[in-house]
Amino acid sequence: MNIQTKKEYFNEVLRLESGRILSEFELVYETYGERASDDSNIIVICHALTGSHHAAGKYDESEPKPGWWDALIGDGKCIDTSKYFVICVDILGSPFGSTSPLSIEPNKNAQYRLRFPVLAISDVVNAQMRLFKRLGIKKVRAIIGGSLGGMQALCFAIEHPDFARNVVSMASTYATQPWAIAFNKIAMHAIKNDPEFKGGYYDEKQVAKNGLLGLEVGRIAGHISFLAPASMERKFARRYVGTDGLYELFGRYEVDRYMEYNGANFAKRFDPLCYLYTIKMMNNFDTTRHYGSLTAALSKVRSQLTLLSFSGDMLFFPSEMKTIADELKALGKEYYYEEIESDYGHDAFLVEIPKIENHIRKAIQ
């Protein structure tokens, strides 16, 4: 598989939904496969909350894990990179190379930190559209994303209705509901009140080395929302850590140990400020904001929409995706909706690939 990783610098103003601007910005992106001369084979992948542009494959054998959707994307796989040209853009606000709170603010000679503007999904999509225009991409075969990526996909369909022939949104919503916002509040509260956060002016290298306790707590809360009771029972049951005493106050069940491990590792690879800005972006997502109603927003759609929800999703419930489907039906729009049986939880779109492959193949054929 031909993997290319590139960065584009834009010396131009990006006007944001908040009314603020980015006077310049950079986007990192990755491509897989070969672009057809008529651009008929282009598929855009939108990454989720803690994902990045590195969606598939390995750069070399020293890389411990392949890209986050490697089970789906690659030569001979569902999204076949011997047939399609796939592009995944690292969103604004991410810690993996695109412009973020860690970037140098123009004319300040210092990182933005808390001076960075709050971003909306519309902003990251508009930035990507600038990139596609520069690359000479006027229309794509499909846009595919799950969770925060599904929000981007839906935003493309509404705000750039002629850009994609097909749009696939999975494990997502039309507007982030209080339940999901409440989970994110745990992370925001823990990070903001961690003394080592230092009001956003922590030592970046030290946090990368040691992590940040507030971010660990936030990740634990988030990870619980990504799973489901059945998957946790199957993975951990009530097993106790063999070296810990059952009647020791801080003795741990296996689920305790897993949450500690996952939280600690995450806090060393993801920046706390970027996490705050990204979950704020997720909280603020609401397709109706500029249109007055979901009906009015979805009336703009011209793409064929494929909507996939998961029965065990406890972050964005299937009823939220069905609401979109019902509105599309009432509007007479082309769409396909399926609630996939899964007890894995929200992360099913990343893990249970066999359950989504056929739906994606139909959407991009």
Protein backbone atom coordinates (compact mmCIF):
# COMPACT_ATOMS: atom_id res chain seq x y z
CA MET A 1 0.00 0.00 0.00
CA ASN A 2 1.34 3.39 -1.01
CA ILE A 3 1.25 5.63 2.10
CA GLN A 4 2.06 9.33 1.72
CA THR A 5 2.11 11.75 4.68
CA LYS A 6 2.14 15.46 3.88
CA LYS A 7 1.58 18.88 5.42
CA GLU A 8 0.05 21.95 3.79
CA TYR A 9 0.49 25.50 5.04
CA PHE A 10 -2.28 28.03 4.38
CA ASN A 11 -1.23 31.68 4.54
CA GLU A 12 -4.84 32.80 4.45
CA VAL A 13 -7.62 33.65 6.88
CA LEU A 14 -10.00 30.95 8.07
CA ARG A 15 -13.10 32.57 9.55
CA LEU A 16 -14.51 30.49 12.38
CA GLU A 17 -18.05 29.83 13.51
CA SER A 18 -17.31 31.73 16.75
CA GLY A 19 -16.56 34.92 14.85
CA ARG A 20 -12.83 34.63 15.48
CA ILE A 21 -10.24 33.82 12.83
CA LEU A 22 -7.13 31.79 12.23
CA SER A 23 -4.89 34.09 10.20
CA GLU A 24 -2.92 31.08 9.00
CA PHE A 25 -3.07 27.34 9.58
CA GLU A 26 -1.51 24.00 8.72
CA LEU A 27 -3.08 20.62 7.99
CA VAL A 28 -1.34 17.25 8.08
CA TYR A 29 -2.89 14.56 5.92
CA GLU A 30 -2.21 11.03 4.75
CA THR A 31 -3.12 9.33 1.49
CA TYR A 32 -3.29 5.67 0.50
CA GLY A 33 -3.41 4.23 -2.99
CA GLU A 34 -3.28 6.00 -6.34
CA ARG A 35 -5.53 8.85 -7.48
CA ALA A 36 -7.46 8.17 -10.69
CA SER A 37 -7.03 10.65 -13.52
CA ASP A 38 -10.74 11.52 -13.40
CA ASP A 39 -10.87 11.62 -9.54
CA SER A 40 -13.62 9.00 -9.53
CA ASN A 41 -11.97 6.88 -6.83
CA ILE A 42 -11.42 9.40 -4.00
CA ILE A 43 -12.65 8.47 -0.51
CA VAL A 44 -12.29 10.83 2.44
CA ILE A 45 -11.92 9.32 5.93
CA CYS A 46 -12.81 11.51 8.93
CA HIS A 47 -11.16 10.53 12.21
CA ALA A 48 -12.76 10.39 15.65
CA LEU A 49 -12.00 12.30 18.86
CA THR A 50 -8.53 10.95 19.62
CA GLY A 51 -7.65 9.70 16.15
CA SER A 52 -5.32 11.25 13.60
CA HIS A 53 -4.48 11.32 9.91
CA HIS A 54 -2.73 7.94 10.32
CA ALA A 55 -5.72 5.77 9.50
CA ALA A 56 -4.07 2.67 8.05
CA GLY A 57 -0.86 0.77 7.49
CA LYS A 58 2.56 1.09 9.09
CA TYR A 59 5.33 3.48 8.17
CA ASP A 60 7.88 0.76 8.88
CA GLU A 61 8.30 -2.39 10.93
CA SER A 62 9.39 -0.46 14.02
CA GLU A 63 5.89 1.02 14.39
CA PRO A 64 4.13 -1.01 17.13
CA LYS A 65 0.61 -0.63 15.74
CA PRO A 66 -0.83 0.21 12.34
CA GLY A 67 -3.23 3.10 11.72
CA TRP A 68 -6.44 3.23 13.72
CA TRP A 69 -8.73 1.82 10.97
CA ASP A 70 -6.24 -0.58 9.43
CA ALA A 71 -8.72 -3.45 9.61
CA LEU A 72 -10.97 -1.57 7.18
CA ILE A 73 -8.53 0.26 4.89
CA GLY A 74 -5.81 -1.34 2.77
CA ASP A 75 -5.03 -3.37 -0.32
CA GLY A 76 -7.76 -5.97 -0.75
CA LYS A 77 -9.70 -4.78 2.31
CA CYS A 78 -13.18 -3.30 2.45
CA ILE A 79 -11.91 0.15 1.47
CA ASP A 80 -9.52 -1.29 -1.08
CA THR A 81 -6.50 0.95 -1.57
CA SER A 82 -5.55 -0.94 -4.74
CA LYS A 83 -8.80 0.46 -6.14
CA TYR A 84 -9.51 3.67 -4.21
CA PHE A 85 -7.47 6.76 -3.37
CA VAL A 86 -8.06 7.37 0.34
CA ILE A 87 -7.29 10.59 2.18
CA CYS A 88 -7.49 11.28 5.92
CA VAL A 89 -6.85 14.77 7.33
CA ASP A 90 -5.67 15.51 10.86
CA ILE A 91 -8.28 17.95 12.19
CA LEU A 92 -7.56 21.41 13.53
CA GLY A 93 -7.05 21.23 17.28
CA SER A 94 -5.41 17.80 17.16
CA PRO A 95 -1.99 17.26 18.78
CA PHE A 96 -0.69 15.29 15.80
CA GLY A 97 0.54 18.06 13.52
CA SER A 98 -2.29 20.29 12.32
CA THR A 99 -2.71 23.76 13.84
CA SER A 100 -3.70 23.45 17.50
CA PRO A 101 -3.30 25.18 20.87
CA LEU A 102 0.32 24.01 20.79
CA SER A 103 1.08 25.86 17.55
CA ILE A 104 2.94 29.16 17.48
CA GLU A 105 0.53 32.08 17.33
CA PRO A 106 1.39 34.47 14.47
CA ASN A 107 3.12 37.67 15.63
CA LYS A 108 3.38 36.36 19.23
CA ASN A 109 6.41 34.05 19.01
CA ALA A 110 4.68 31.81 21.58
CA GLN A 111 2.20 28.95 21.59
CA TYR A 112 -1.49 29.82 21.48
CA ARG A 113 -2.31 27.77 24.58
CA LEU A 114 -5.60 29.20 25.97
CA ARG A 115 -5.59 32.01 23.40
CA PHE A 116 -6.47 29.41 20.76
CA PRO A 117 -10.05 29.89 19.52
CA VAL A 118 -12.78 27.38 20.28
CA LEU A 119 -13.42 25.37 17.12
CA ALA A 120 -16.61 23.91 15.70
CA ILE A 121 -17.02 20.87 13.47
CA SER A 122 -17.89 23.29 10.66
CA ASP A 123 -14.48 24.93 11.08
CA VAL A 124 -12.50 21.69 10.74
CA VAL A 125 -14.60 20.72 7.71
CA ASN A 126 -14.11 24.14 6.08
CA ALA A 127 -10.37 23.84 6.63
CA GLN A 128 -10.40 20.44 4.93
CA MET A 129 -12.33 21.93 2.02
CA ARG A 130 -9.50 24.47 1.61
CA LEU A 131 -7.06 21.56 1.40
CA PHE A 132 -9.18 19.67 -1.14
CA LYS A 133 -9.46 22.80 -3.28
CA ARG A 134 -5.68 23.20 -3.22
CA LEU A 135 -5.29 19.56 -4.23
CA GLY A 136 -7.69 20.10 -7.12
CA ILE A 137 -10.34 17.79 -5.62
CA LYS A 138 -13.79 19.08 -6.61
CA LYS A 139 -15.88 16.02 -5.82
CA VAL A 140 -15.29 12.73 -4.03
CA ARG A 141 -16.79 9.30 -4.26
CA ALA A 142 -17.50 9.04 -0.52
CA ILE A 143 -16.87 10.51 2.91
CA ILE A 144 -16.80 8.05 5.82
CA GLY A 145 -16.49 8.66 9.55
CA GLY A 146 -17.52 7.43 12.97
CA SER A 147 -18.25 9.34 16.19
CA LEU A 148 -16.62 12.79 15.83
CA GLY A 149 -15.74 11.64 12.31
CA GLY A 150 -19.41 10.91 11.73
CA MET A 151 -20.20 14.48 12.80
CA GLN A 152 -17.74 15.74 10.19
CA ALA A 153 -19.28 13.48 7.54
CA LEU A 154 -22.77 14.81 8.31
CA CYS A 155 -21.45 18.37 8.28
CA PHE A 156 -19.95 17.81 4.82
CA ALA A 157 -23.33 16.53 3.61
CA ILE A 158 -25.23 19.55 4.92
CA GLU A 159 -22.79 22.41 4.39
CA HIS A 160 -21.03 21.18 1.22
CA PRO A 161 -23.86 19.22 -0.39
CA ASP A 162 -22.29 18.80 -3.84
CA PHE A 163 -18.89 17.58 -2.66
CA ALA A 164 -19.57 13.87 -2.02
CA ARG A 165 -21.67 11.37 -3.89
CA ASN A 166 -22.03 9.18 -0.79
CA VAL A 167 -21.68 9.99 2.91
CA VAL A 168 -21.39 7.37 5.66
CA SER A 169 -21.90 8.47 9.28
CA MET A 170 -21.56 5.89 12.07
CA ALA A 171 -22.02 5.92 15.85
CA SER A 172 -22.76 9.61 15.79
CA THR A 173 -25.55 12.13 16.29
CA TYR A 174 -27.18 15.25 14.84
CA ALA A 175 -26.46 17.19 18.05
CA THR A 176 -24.48 16.16 21.12
CA GLN A 177 -26.90 15.39 23.95
CA PRO A 178 -26.56 16.10 27.72
CA TRP A 179 -25.52 12.51 28.51
CA ALA A 180 -22.40 12.76 26.31
CA ILE A 181 -21.66 16.30 27.49
CA ALA A 182 -21.78 15.06 31.09
CA PHE A 183 -19.07 12.46 30.40
CA ASN A 184 -16.91 15.17 28.85
CA LYS A 185 -17.47 17.36 31.90
CA ILE A 186 -15.56 14.85 34.01
CA ALA A 187 -12.54 15.28 31.77
CA MET A 188 -12.81 19.06 31.63
CA HIS A 189 -13.18 19.36 35.39
CA ALA A 190 -10.32 16.96 36.15
CA ILE A 191 -7.87 18.57 33.72
CA LYS A 192 -8.71 22.16 34.60
CA ASN A 193 -8.34 21.54 38.33
CA ASP A 194 -5.17 19.46 38.16
CA PRO A 195 -2.43 21.63 39.78
CA GLU A 196 0.04 20.37 37.17
CA PHE A 197 -2.15 21.77 34.39
CA LYS A 198 -1.00 25.22 35.56
CA GLY A 199 -3.82 27.09 33.88
CA GLY A 200 -2.87 25.66 30.51
CA TYR A 201 0.82 26.56 30.79
CA TYR A 202 2.17 23.17 31.85
CA ASP A 203 5.54 21.87 30.71
CA GLU A 204 4.70 20.06 27.49
CA LYS A 205 7.72 17.73 27.65
CA GLN A 206 7.05 16.76 31.25
CA VAL A 207 3.41 15.94 30.49
CA ALA A 208 4.48 13.86 27.49
CA LYS A 209 6.89 11.97 29.77
CA ASN A 210 4.77 11.59 32.92
CA GLY A 211 1.22 12.23 31.79
CA LEU A 212 -1.32 14.40 33.61
CA LEU A 213 -3.53 12.91 36.31
CA GLY A 214 -6.49 15.06 35.26
CA LEU A 215 -6.27 13.72 31.71
CA GLU A 216 -6.01 10.16 33.05
CA VAL A 217 -9.27 10.68 34.95
CA GLY A 218 -10.89 12.19 31.87
CA ARG A 219 -9.78 9.28 29.72
CA ILE A 220 -11.17 6.77 32.20
CA ALA A 221 -14.55 8.52 32.08
CA GLY A 222 -14.45 8.69 28.31
CA HIS A 223 -13.39 5.08 27.94
CA ILE A 224 -16.32 3.91 30.07
CA SER A 225 -18.64 5.74 27.67
CA PHE A 226 -16.98 4.01 24.69
CA LEU A 227 -17.71 0.54 26.06
CA ALA A 228 -20.88 -1.21 27.25
CA PRO A 229 -21.80 -3.42 30.24
CA ALA A 230 -21.81 -6.64 28.21
CA SER A 231 -18.38 -6.05 26.68
CA MET A 232 -16.90 -5.16 30.07
CA GLU A 233 -18.42 -8.26 31.65
CA ARG A 234 -17.00 -10.40 28.86
CA LYS A 235 -13.55 -8.83 29.11
CA PHE A 236 -13.16 -8.51 32.89
CA ALA A 237 -16.03 -10.18 34.76
CA ARG A 238 -15.31 -9.83 38.50
CA ARG A 239 -11.75 -11.05 38.28
CA TYR A 240 -9.42 -9.63 40.89
CA VAL A 241 -5.77 -8.70 40.37
CA GLY A 242 -3.83 -11.71 41.63
CA THR A 243 -1.20 -9.69 43.48
CA ASP A 244 -3.71 -7.41 45.26
CA GLY A 245 -5.50 -8.27 48.48
CA LEU A 246 -9.29 -8.46 48.30
CA TYR A 247 -9.62 -6.63 51.61
CA GLU A 248 -6.86 -4.15 50.85
CA LEU A 249 -8.49 -0.71 50.47
CA PHE A 250 -6.80 0.06 47.18
CA GLY A 251 -6.75 -3.49 45.92
CA ARG A 252 -7.94 -3.69 42.34
CA TYR A 253 -10.27 -5.66 40.15
CA GLU A 254 -8.97 -6.34 36.66
CA VAL A 255 -11.26 -3.62 35.31
CA ASP A 256 -9.59 -1.19 37.74
CA ARG A 257 -6.15 -2.12 36.49
CA TYR A 258 -7.21 -1.82 32.86
CA MET A 259 -8.65 1.66 33.39
CA GLU A 260 -5.47 2.77 35.16
CA TYR A 261 -3.32 1.38 32.36
CA ASN A 262 -5.42 2.86 29.57
CA GLY A 263 -5.67 6.25 31.28
CA ALA A 264 -1.95 6.47 32.04
CA ASN A 265 -0.89 5.54 28.50
CA PHE A 266 -3.35 7.91 26.89
CA ALA A 267 -2.20 10.83 29.07
CA LYS A 268 1.32 10.42 27.69
CA ARG A 269 0.33 10.39 24.02
CA PHE A 270 -2.44 12.98 23.84
CA ASP A 271 -2.07 16.59 24.86
CA PRO A 272 -4.45 17.86 27.60
CA LEU A 273 -5.16 21.23 25.98
CA CYS A 274 -5.90 19.57 22.64
CA TYR A 275 -8.22 17.18 24.46
CA LEU A 276 -10.10 20.09 26.04
CA TYR A 277 -10.53 21.86 22.72
CA THR A 278 -11.62 18.67 20.93
CA ILE A 279 -14.25 17.65 23.48
CA LYS A 280 -15.56 21.23 23.47
CA MET A 281 -15.88 20.89 19.70
CA MET A 282 -17.83 17.68 20.21
CA ASN A 283 -20.07 19.23 22.88
CA ASN A 284 -20.91 22.17 20.61
CA PHE A 285 -21.90 20.04 17.62
CA ASP A 286 -25.47 20.81 16.56
CA THR A 287 -26.53 20.58 12.92
CA THR A 288 -29.60 22.71 13.62
CA ARG A 289 -27.68 25.76 14.93
CA HIS A 290 -27.62 27.68 11.66
CA TYR A 291 -30.84 26.35 10.21
CA GLY A 292 -33.44 26.50 12.98
CA SER A 293 -34.42 22.84 12.79
CA LEU A 294 -33.09 19.43 11.81
CA THR A 295 -35.58 19.33 8.93
CA ALA A 296 -34.21 22.58 7.52
CA ALA A 297 -30.61 21.40 7.92
CA LEU A 298 -31.18 18.02 6.25
CA SER A 299 -33.11 19.62 3.40
CA LYS A 300 -29.70 20.80 2.13
CA VAL A 301 -28.41 17.22 1.69
CA ARG A 302 -27.85 15.94 -1.85
CA SER A 303 -25.56 13.00 -1.12
CA GLN A 304 -26.76 9.46 -0.58
CA LEU A 305 -26.54 9.08 3.21
CA THR A 306 -25.72 5.81 4.97
CA LEU A 307 -26.37 5.95 8.71
CA LEU A 308 -25.15 3.18 11.00
CA SER A 309 -25.88 3.03 14.72
CA PHE A 310 -24.98 0.32 17.22
CA SER A 311 -27.45 -1.14 19.68
CA GLY A 312 -24.96 -1.10 22.56
CA ASP A 313 -23.74 2.46 22.00
CA MET A 314 -24.06 4.33 25.30
CA LEU A 315 -22.51 7.58 24.11
CA PHE A 316 -24.56 8.34 21.01
CA PHE A 317 -27.68 6.24 21.30
CA PRO A 318 -29.25 4.57 18.23
CA SER A 319 -32.35 6.74 18.66
CA GLU A 320 -30.23 9.78 17.78
CA MET A 321 -29.23 8.33 14.42
CA LYS A 322 -32.77 7.10 13.79
CA THR A 323 -34.00 10.66 14.28
CA ILE A 324 -31.82 11.67 11.33
CA ALA A 325 -33.16 8.76 9.27
CA ASP A 326 -36.78 9.64 10.07
CA GLU A 327 -36.23 13.24 9.02
CA LEU A 328 -34.58 12.15 5.76
CA LYS A 329 -37.49 9.82 5.05
CA ALA A 330 -39.99 12.63 5.62
CA LEU A 331 -37.99 14.84 3.26
CA GLY A 332 -37.90 12.15 0.57
CA LYS A 333 -34.10 12.02 0.59
CA GLU A 334 -31.99 9.04 -0.46
CA TYR A 335 -30.67 7.27 2.61
CA TYR A 336 -30.02 3.92 4.23
CA TYR A 337 -30.25 3.35 7.97
CA GLU A 338 -29.30 0.28 9.98
CA GLU A 339 -29.09 -0.29 13.72
CA ILE A 340 -26.39 -2.93 14.01
CA GLU A 341 -26.70 -5.43 16.82
CA SER A 342 -23.66 -5.10 19.00
CA ASP A 343 -22.95 -5.33 22.71
CA TYR A 344 -19.47 -3.84 22.32
CA GLY A 345 -20.51 -0.24 22.86
CA HIS A 346 -19.66 3.02 21.10
CA ASP A 347 -16.29 1.75 19.84
CA ALA A 348 -17.96 -0.99 17.82
CA PHE A 349 -17.35 1.00 14.63
CA LEU A 350 -13.60 0.64 15.28
CA VAL A 351 -13.62 -2.96 16.46
CA GLU A 352 -16.43 -4.98 14.88
CA ILE A 353 -15.37 -4.45 11.29
CA PRO A 354 -17.18 -7.52 9.87
CA LYS A 355 -20.48 -5.97 10.96
CA ILE A 356 -19.96 -2.78 8.94
CA GLU A 357 -17.99 -3.95 5.89
CA ASN A 358 -20.94 -4.84 3.67
CA HIS A 359 -22.71 -1.57 4.46
CA ILE A 360 -19.62 0.40 3.51
CA ARG A 361 -19.05 -1.63 0.32
CA LYS A 362 -22.61 -0.86 -0.80
CA ALA A 363 -22.16 2.82 -0.01
CA ILE A 364 -18.98 3.25 -2.06
CA GLN A 365 -19.60 0.93 -4.98
